[in-house]
PDB file of N, CA and C in Angstrom:
ATOM      1  N   UNK A   1     -57.914 145.123  40.588  1.00  0.00           N
ATOM      2  CA  UNK A   1     -57.582 145.902  41.773  1.00  0.00           C
ATOM      3  C   UNK A   1     -56.021 146.057  41.840  1.00  0.00           C
ATOM      4  N   UNK A   2     -55.545 147.225  42.048  1.00  0.00           N
ATOM      5  CA  UNK A   2     -54.120 147.421  42.063  1.00  0.00           C
ATOM      6  C   UNK A   2     -53.551 147.012  43.397  1.00  0.00           C
ATOM      7  N   UNK A   3     -52.338 146.486  43.417  1.00  0.00           N
ATOM      8  CA  UNK A   3     -51.668 146.083  44.605  1.00  0.00           C
ATOM      9  C   UNK A   3     -50.960 147.228  45.274  1.00  0.00           C
ATOM     10  N   UNK A   4     -50.819 147.176  46.604  1.00  0.00           N
ATOM     11  CA  UNK A   4     -50.033 148.201  47.288  1.00  0.00           C
ATOM     12  C   UNK A   4     -48.581 147.903  47.079  1.00  0.00           C
ATOM     13  N   UNK A   5     -47.742 148.954  46.779  1.00  0.00           N
ATOM     14  CA  UNK A   5     -46.301 148.767  46.758  1.00  0.00           C
ATOM     15  C   UNK A   5     -45.698 149.321  47.972  1.00  0.00           C
ATOM     16  N   UNK A   6     -44.828 148.576  48.555  1.00  0.00           N
ATOM     17  CA  UNK A   6     -44.044 148.991  49.781  1.00  0.00           C
ATOM     18  C   UNK A   6     -42.506 148.858  49.584  1.00  0.00           C
ATOM     19  N   UNK A   7     -41.805 149.844  49.988  1.00  0.00           N
ATOM     20  CA  UNK A   7     -40.447 149.698  50.061  1.00  0.00           C
ATOM     21  C   UNK A   7     -40.045 149.653  51.529  1.00  0.00           C
ATOM     22  N   UNK A   8     -39.401 148.596  51.891  1.00  0.00           N
ATOM     23  CA  UNK A   8     -39.039 148.443  53.329  1.00  0.00           C
ATOM     24  C   UNK A   8     -37.596 148.189  53.474  1.00  0.00           C
ATOM     25  N   UNK A   9     -37.044 148.448  54.625  1.00  0.00           N
ATOM     26  CA  UNK A   9     -35.637 148.183  54.889  1.00  0.00           C
ATOM     27  C   UNK A   9     -35.520 147.184  56.067  1.00  0.00           C
ATOM     28  N   UNK A  10     -34.662 146.307  55.895  1.00  0.00           N
ATOM     29  CA  UNK A  10     -34.530 145.238  57.005  1.00  0.00           C
ATOM     30  C   UNK A  10     -33.693 144.118  56.365  1.00  0.00           C
ATOM     31  N   UNK A  11     -33.871 142.966  57.128  1.00  0.00           N
ATOM     32  CA  UNK A  11     -33.184 141.743  56.723  1.00  0.00           C
ATOM     33  C   UNK A  11     -34.117 140.514  56.903  1.00  0.00           C
ATOM     34  N   UNK A  12     -34.120 139.565  56.037  1.00  0.00           N
ATOM     35  CA  UNK A  12     -34.956 138.368  56.184  1.00  0.00           C
ATOM     36  C   UNK A  12     -34.404 137.584  57.353  1.00  0.00           C
ATOM     37  N   UNK A  13     -35.435 137.100  58.105  1.00  0.00           N
ATOM     38  CA  UNK A  13     -35.129 136.251  59.276  1.00  0.00           C
ATOM     39  C   UNK A  13     -34.822 134.826  58.823  1.00  0.00           C
ATOM     40  N   UNK A  14     -35.411 134.398  57.682  1.00  0.00           N
ATOM     41  CA  UNK A  14     -35.259 133.138  57.052  1.00  0.00           C
ATOM     42  C   UNK A  14     -35.306 133.352  55.539  1.00  0.00           C
ATOM     43  N   UNK A  15     -34.916 132.441  54.803  1.00  0.00           N
ATOM     44  CA  UNK A  15     -35.051 132.555  53.288  1.00  0.00           C
ATOM     45  C   UNK A  15     -36.471 132.963  52.856  1.00  0.00           C
ATOM     46  N   UNK A  16     -36.653 133.813  51.903  1.00  0.00           N
ATOM     47  CA  UNK A  16     -38.011 134.198  51.308  1.00  0.00           C
ATOM     48  C   UNK A  16     -38.323 133.093  50.395  1.00  0.00           C
ATOM     49  N   UNK A  17     -39.390 132.372  50.690  1.00  0.00           N
ATOM     50  CA  UNK A  17     -39.790 131.208  49.859  1.00  0.00           C
ATOM     51  C   UNK A  17     -41.164 131.374  49.432  1.00  0.00           C
ATOM     52  N   UNK A  18     -41.422 130.981  48.131  1.00  0.00           N
ATOM     53  CA  UNK A  18     -42.766 130.989  47.587  1.00  0.00           C
ATOM     54  C   UNK A  18     -43.727 129.977  48.384  1.00  0.00           C
ATOM     55  N   UNK A  19     -44.893 130.514  48.809  1.00  0.00           N
ATOM     56  CA  UNK A  19     -45.818 129.720  49.504  1.00  0.00           C
ATOM     57  C   UNK A  19     -45.675 129.935  51.031  1.00  0.00           C
ATOM     58  N   UNK A  20     -44.651 130.520  51.542  1.00  0.00           N
ATOM     59  CA  UNK A  20     -44.476 130.816  52.962  1.00  0.00           C
ATOM     60  C   UNK A  20     -44.483 132.284  53.217  1.00  0.00           C
ATOM     61  N   UNK A  21     -44.924 132.776  54.404  1.00  0.00           N
ATOM     62  CA  UNK A  21     -44.873 134.127  54.797  1.00  0.00           C
ATOM     63  C   UNK A  21     -43.365 134.585  54.828  1.00  0.00           C
ATOM     64  N   UNK A  22     -43.094 135.770  54.470  1.00  0.00           N
ATOM     65  CA  UNK A  22     -41.825 136.348  54.600  1.00  0.00           C
ATOM     66  C   UNK A  22     -41.724 136.906  56.055  1.00  0.00           C
ATOM     67  N   UNK A  23     -40.612 136.710  56.668  1.00  0.00           N
ATOM     68  CA  UNK A  23     -40.346 137.208  58.012  1.00  0.00           C
ATOM     69  C   UNK A  23     -39.169 138.260  57.879  1.00  0.00           C
ATOM     70  N   UNK A  24     -39.442 139.498  58.105  1.00  0.00           N
ATOM     71  CA  UNK A  24     -38.452 140.524  57.894  1.00  0.00           C
ATOM     72  C   UNK A  24     -38.112 141.312  59.142  1.00  0.00           C
ATOM     73  N   UNK A  25     -36.928 141.339  59.624  1.00  0.00           N
ATOM     74  CA  UNK A  25     -36.539 142.086  60.804  1.00  0.00           C
ATOM     75  C   UNK A  25     -36.316 143.541  60.368  1.00  0.00           C
ATOM     76  N   UNK A  26     -37.188 144.461  60.893  1.00  0.00           N
ATOM     77  CA  UNK A  26     -37.006 145.920  60.489  1.00  0.00           C
ATOM     78  C   UNK A  26     -36.469 146.560  61.781  1.00  0.00           C
ATOM     79  N   UNK A  27     -36.108 147.805  61.764  1.00  0.00           N
ATOM     80  CA  UNK A  27     -35.609 148.493  62.828  1.00  0.00           C
ATOM     81  C   UNK A  27     -36.544 148.596  64.054  1.00  0.00           C
ATOM     82  N   UNK A  28     -37.754 148.566  63.894  1.00  0.00           N
ATOM     83  CA  UNK A  28     -38.820 148.726  64.826  1.00  0.00           C
ATOM     84  C   UNK A  28     -39.534 147.364  65.209  1.00  0.00           C
ATOM     85  N   UNK A  29     -39.105 146.279  64.602  1.00  0.00           N
ATOM     86  CA  UNK A  29     -39.683 145.058  65.005  1.00  0.00           C
ATOM     87  C   UNK A  29     -39.676 144.045  63.867  1.00  0.00           C
ATOM     88  N   UNK A  30     -40.646 143.104  63.817  1.00  0.00           N
ATOM     89  CA  UNK A  30     -40.728 142.043  62.909  1.00  0.00           C
ATOM     90  C   UNK A  30     -41.892 142.210  62.017  1.00  0.00           C
ATOM     91  N   UNK A  31     -41.746 142.137  60.717  1.00  0.00           N
ATOM     92  CA  UNK A  31     -42.858 142.096  59.763  1.00  0.00           C
ATOM     93  C   UNK A  31     -43.046 140.671  59.284  1.00  0.00           C
ATOM     94  N   UNK A  32     -44.285 140.250  59.331  1.00  0.00           N
ATOM     95  CA  UNK A  32     -44.692 138.946  58.760  1.00  0.00           C
ATOM     96  C   UNK A  32     -45.669 139.220  57.710  1.00  0.00           C
ATOM     97  N   UNK A  33     -45.450 138.760  56.516  1.00  0.00           N
ATOM     98  CA  UNK A  33     -46.293 139.004  55.352  1.00  0.00           C
ATOM     99  C   UNK A  33     -47.280 137.821  55.188  1.00  0.00           C
ATOM    100  N   UNK A  34     -48.213 137.879  54.305  1.00  0.00           N
ATOM    101  CA  UNK A  34     -49.059 136.807  53.856  1.00  0.00           C
ATOM    102  C   UNK A  34     -48.090 135.942  52.929  1.00  0.00           C
ATOM    103  N   UNK A  35     -48.516 134.774  52.614  1.00  0.00           N
ATOM    104  CA  UNK A  35     -47.584 133.935  51.822  1.00  0.00           C
ATOM    105  C   UNK A  35     -47.136 134.632  50.573  1.00  0.00           C
ATOM    106  N   UNK A  36     -45.864 134.391  50.242  1.00  0.00           N
ATOM    107  CA  UNK A  36     -45.237 134.872  49.088  1.00  0.00           C
ATOM    108  C   UNK A  36     -45.669 134.222  47.793  1.00  0.00           C
ATOM    109  N   UNK A  37     -46.061 134.943  46.735  1.00  0.00           N
ATOM    110  CA  UNK A  37     -46.549 134.395  45.475  1.00  0.00           C
ATOM    111  C   UNK A  37     -45.385 134.194  44.532  1.00  0.00           C
ATOM    112  N   UNK A  38     -44.395 135.199  44.526  1.00  0.00           N
ATOM    113  CA  UNK A  38     -43.238 135.085  43.650  1.00  0.00           C
ATOM    114  C   UNK A  38     -42.105 136.016  44.199  1.00  0.00           C
ATOM    115  N   UNK A  39     -40.985 135.627  43.789  1.00  0.00           N
ATOM    116  CA  UNK A  39     -39.761 136.450  43.981  1.00  0.00           C
ATOM    117  C   UNK A  39     -39.287 136.849  42.640  1.00  0.00           C
ATOM    118  N   UNK A  40     -39.297 138.188  42.368  1.00  0.00           N
ATOM    119  CA  UNK A  40     -39.105 138.650  41.027  1.00  0.00           C
ATOM    120  C   UNK A  40     -37.657 139.029  40.737  1.00  0.00           C
ATOM    121  N   UNK A  41     -36.936 139.562  41.691  1.00  0.00           N
ATOM    122  CA  UNK A  41     -35.573 139.930  41.436  1.00  0.00           C
ATOM    123  C   UNK A  41     -34.739 139.942  42.716  1.00  0.00           C
ATOM    124  N   UNK A  42     -33.573 139.454  42.605  1.00  0.00           N
ATOM    125  CA  UNK A  42     -32.695 139.291  43.757  1.00  0.00           C
ATOM    126  C   UNK A  42     -31.357 139.844  43.398  1.00  0.00           C
ATOM    127  N   UNK A  43     -30.872 140.671  44.306  1.00  0.00           N
ATOM    128  CA  UNK A  43     -29.439 141.141  44.256  1.00  0.00           C
ATOM    129  C   UNK A  43     -29.049 141.188  45.642  1.00  0.00           C
ATOM    130  N   UNK A  44     -27.617 141.312  45.902  1.00  0.00           N
ATOM    131  CA  UNK A  44     -27.155 141.344  47.241  1.00  0.00           C
ATOM    132  C   UNK A  44     -27.775 142.406  48.146  1.00  0.00           C
ATOM    133  N   UNK A  45     -28.228 143.491  47.629  1.00  0.00           N
ATOM    134  CA  UNK A  45     -28.842 144.580  48.438  1.00  0.00           C
ATOM    135  C   UNK A  45     -30.354 144.700  48.326  1.00  0.00           C
ATOM    136  N   UNK A  46     -30.938 143.984  47.470  1.00  0.00           N
ATOM    137  CA  UNK A  46     -32.378 144.163  47.257  1.00  0.00           C
ATOM    138  C   UNK A  46     -33.109 142.884  46.833  1.00  0.00           C
ATOM    139  N   UNK A  47     -34.257 142.692  47.344  1.00  0.00           N
ATOM    140  CA  UNK A  47     -35.168 141.556  46.976  1.00  0.00           C
ATOM    141  C   UNK A  47     -36.570 142.191  46.646  1.00  0.00           C
ATOM    142  N   UNK A  48     -37.060 141.748  45.555  1.00  0.00           N
ATOM    143  CA  UNK A  48     -38.437 142.113  45.171  1.00  0.00           C
ATOM    144  C   UNK A  48     -39.254 140.927  45.221  1.00  0.00           C
ATOM    145  N   UNK A  49     -40.370 140.938  45.995  1.00  0.00           N
ATOM    146  CA  UNK A  49     -41.300 139.801  46.035  1.00  0.00           C
ATOM    147  C   UNK A  49     -42.781 140.331  46.226  1.00  0.00           C
ATOM    148  N   UNK A  50     -43.656 139.399  45.947  1.00  0.00           N
ATOM    149  CA  UNK A  50     -45.094 139.790  45.821  1.00  0.00           C
ATOM    150  C   UNK A  50     -45.859 138.821  46.754  1.00  0.00           C
ATOM    151  N   UNK A  51     -46.907 139.445  47.432  1.00  0.00           N
ATOM    152  CA  UNK A  51     -47.861 138.582  48.168  1.00  0.00           C
ATOM    153  C   UNK A  51     -49.214 138.856  47.518  1.00  0.00           C
ATOM    154  N   UNK A  52     -50.273 138.390  47.969  1.00  0.00           N
ATOM    155  CA  UNK A  52     -51.637 138.507  47.505  1.00  0.00           C
ATOM    156  C   UNK A  52     -51.979 139.971  47.260  1.00  0.00           C
ATOM    157  N   UNK A  53     -51.661 140.845  48.272  1.00  0.00           N
ATOM    158  CA  UNK A  53     -52.146 142.232  48.175  1.00  0.00           C
ATOM    159  C   UNK A  53     -50.979 143.229  48.013  1.00  0.00           C
ATOM    160  N   UNK A  54     -49.815 142.826  48.106  1.00  0.00           N
ATOM    161  CA  UNK A  54     -48.696 143.859  48.149  1.00  0.00           C
ATOM    162  C   UNK A  54     -47.519 143.331  47.315  1.00  0.00           C
ATOM    163  N   UNK A  55     -46.794 144.432  46.687  1.00  0.00           N
ATOM    164  CA  UNK A  55     -45.545 144.124  46.082  1.00  0.00           C
ATOM    165  C   UNK A  55     -44.516 144.892  46.927  1.00  0.00           C
ATOM    166  N   UNK A  56     -43.498 144.105  47.297  1.00  0.00           N
ATOM    167  CA  UNK A  56     -42.502 144.565  48.273  1.00  0.00           C
ATOM    168  C   UNK A  56     -41.125 144.744  47.493  1.00  0.00           C
ATOM    169  N   UNK A  57     -40.387 145.725  47.862  1.00  0.00           N
ATOM    170  CA  UNK A  57     -39.049 145.977  47.545  1.00  0.00           C
ATOM    171  C   UNK A  57     -38.343 146.002  48.968  1.00  0.00           C
ATOM    172  N   UNK A  58     -37.505 145.034  49.224  1.00  0.00           N
ATOM    173  CA  UNK A  58     -36.795 144.882  50.463  1.00  0.00           C
ATOM    174  C   UNK A  58     -35.459 145.396  50.310  1.00  0.00           C
ATOM    175  N   UNK A  59     -35.055 146.545  50.852  1.00  0.00           N
ATOM    176  CA  UNK A  59     -33.651 147.046  50.881  1.00  0.00           C
ATOM    177  C   UNK A  59     -32.921 146.403  52.069  1.00  0.00           C
ATOM    178  N   UNK A  60     -31.844 145.767  51.715  1.00  0.00           N
ATOM    179  CA  UNK A  60     -31.150 144.997  52.747  1.00  0.00           C
ATOM    180  C   UNK A  60     -29.895 145.908  53.104  1.00  0.00           C
ATOM    181  N   UNK A  61     -29.614 146.120  54.366  1.00  0.00           N
ATOM    182  CA  UNK A  61     -28.453 146.830  54.796  1.00  0.00           C
ATOM    183  C   UNK A  61     -27.158 146.170  54.477  1.00  0.00           C
ATOM    184  N   UNK A  62     -26.005 146.866  54.188  1.00  0.00           N
ATOM    185  CA  UNK A  62     -24.847 146.125  53.890  1.00  0.00           C
ATOM    186  C   UNK A  62     -24.427 145.070  54.831  1.00  0.00           C
ATOM    187  N   UNK A  63     -24.632 145.233  56.055  1.00  0.00           N
ATOM    188  CA  UNK A  63     -24.249 144.254  57.030  1.00  0.00           C
ATOM    189  C   UNK A  63     -25.026 142.893  56.959  1.00  0.00           C
ATOM    190  N   UNK A  64     -26.217 143.044  56.312  1.00  0.00           N
ATOM    191  CA  UNK A  64     -27.116 141.943  56.290  1.00  0.00           C
ATOM    192  C   UNK A  64     -27.315 141.455  54.831  1.00  0.00           C
ATOM    193  N   UNK A  65     -26.508 141.756  53.899  1.00  0.00           N
ATOM    194  CA  UNK A  65     -26.661 141.238  52.535  1.00  0.00           C
ATOM    195  C   UNK A  65     -26.791 139.826  52.435  1.00  0.00           C
ATOM    196  N   UNK A  66     -27.542 139.398  51.337  1.00  0.00           N
ATOM    197  CA  UNK A  66     -27.853 137.988  51.181  1.00  0.00           C
ATOM    198  C   UNK A  66     -27.449 137.580  49.792  1.00  0.00           C
ATOM    199  N   UNK A  67     -27.461 136.252  49.574  1.00  0.00           N
ATOM    200  CA  UNK A  67     -27.059 135.728  48.288  1.00  0.00           C
ATOM    201  C   UNK A  67     -28.320 135.078  47.686  1.00  0.00           C
ATOM    202  N   UNK A  68     -28.295 134.794  46.389  1.00  0.00           N
ATOM    203  CA  UNK A  68     -29.432 134.095  45.681  1.00  0.00           C
ATOM    204  C   UNK A  68     -29.763 132.857  46.327  1.00  0.00           C
ATOM    205  N   UNK A  69     -28.718 132.178  46.856  1.00  0.00           N
ATOM    206  CA  UNK A  69     -28.953 130.827  47.500  1.00  0.00           C
ATOM    207  C   UNK A  69     -29.807 130.923  48.700  1.00  0.00           C
ATOM    208  N   UNK A  70     -29.918 132.078  49.321  1.00  0.00           N
ATOM    209  CA  UNK A  70     -30.751 132.259  50.477  1.00  0.00           C
ATOM    210  C   UNK A  70     -32.173 132.478  50.188  1.00  0.00           C
ATOM    211  N   UNK A  71     -32.562 132.572  48.896  1.00  0.00           N
ATOM    212  CA  UNK A  71     -33.867 132.868  48.503  1.00  0.00           C
ATOM    213  C   UNK A  71     -34.359 131.505  47.855  1.00  0.00           C
ATOM    214  N   UNK A  72     -35.515 130.949  48.319  1.00  0.00           N
ATOM    215  CA  UNK A  72     -35.976 129.755  47.774  1.00  0.00           C
ATOM    216  C   UNK A  72     -37.304 129.883  47.103  1.00  0.00           C
TER     217      UNK A  72
END
Protein backbone atom coordinates (compact mmCIF):
# COMPACT_ATOMS: atom_id res chain seq x y z
CA UNK A 1 0.00 0.00 0.00
CA UNK A 2 1.40 3.39 -1.01
CA UNK A 3 1.70 6.08 1.63
CA UNK A 4 0.12 9.50 1.31
CA UNK A 5 2.61 12.31 0.67
CA UNK A 6 1.90 15.70 2.22
CA UNK A 7 3.75 18.98 1.94
CA UNK A 8 2.84 21.20 4.85
CA UNK A 9 4.00 24.62 6.04
CA UNK A 10 4.42 25.48 9.69
CA UNK A 11 6.72 25.05 12.64
CA UNK A 12 7.19 22.20 15.11
CA UNK A 13 5.79 22.90 18.56
CA UNK A 14 8.39 20.55 20.04
CA UNK A 15 11.26 18.53 18.57
CA UNK A 16 10.17 15.86 16.07
CA UNK A 17 11.14 12.58 17.71
CA UNK A 18 10.87 8.98 16.54
CA UNK A 19 8.14 7.19 18.47
CA UNK A 20 6.28 10.40 19.36
CA UNK A 21 3.53 12.22 17.46
CA UNK A 22 4.73 15.36 15.67
CA UNK A 23 2.98 18.56 16.70
CA UNK A 24 3.05 21.16 13.94
CA UNK A 25 1.69 24.69 14.25
CA UNK A 26 0.15 25.61 10.90
CA UNK A 27 -1.52 28.85 9.89
CA UNK A 28 -4.99 27.44 10.58
CA UNK A 29 -4.26 25.50 13.77
CA UNK A 30 -2.32 22.56 15.16
CA UNK A 31 -1.60 19.29 13.36
CA UNK A 32 -0.90 16.20 15.46
CA UNK A 33 0.39 13.19 13.55
CA UNK A 34 0.51 9.55 14.50
CA UNK A 35 3.88 8.47 15.97
CA UNK A 36 6.90 9.30 13.80
CA UNK A 37 8.70 6.27 12.35
CA UNK A 38 11.76 8.11 11.02
CA UNK A 39 13.16 11.51 10.19
CA UNK A 40 14.89 11.27 6.82
CA UNK A 41 16.30 14.71 6.09
CA UNK A 42 16.76 17.87 8.03
CA UNK A 43 17.81 21.31 6.86
CA UNK A 44 17.12 24.73 8.41
CA UNK A 45 14.08 25.20 6.18
CA UNK A 46 12.75 21.66 5.73
CA UNK A 47 12.16 18.44 7.64
CA UNK A 48 11.11 15.17 6.01
CA UNK A 49 9.57 12.58 8.28
CA UNK A 50 7.36 9.53 8.03
CA UNK A 51 4.47 8.12 10.03
CA UNK A 52 2.61 4.84 9.53
CA UNK A 53 0.46 6.14 6.67
CA UNK A 54 2.03 9.43 5.57
CA UNK A 55 5.31 10.86 4.32
CA UNK A 56 5.60 14.53 5.31
CA UNK A 57 7.68 17.38 3.96
CA UNK A 58 7.48 20.20 6.49
CA UNK A 59 8.43 23.59 5.03
CA UNK A 60 9.48 25.86 7.87
CA UNK A 61 9.06 29.61 7.51
CA UNK A 62 12.29 31.67 7.85
CA UNK A 63 11.20 33.10 11.20
CA UNK A 64 10.78 29.58 12.60
CA UNK A 65 13.85 27.80 11.17
CA UNK A 66 15.22 24.97 13.27
CA UNK A 67 18.55 23.27 13.74
CA UNK A 68 19.43 19.57 13.62
CA UNK A 69 19.76 19.60 17.40
CA UNK A 70 16.02 20.31 17.68
CA UNK A 71 15.19 17.01 15.96
CA UNK A 72 15.57 13.88 18.08
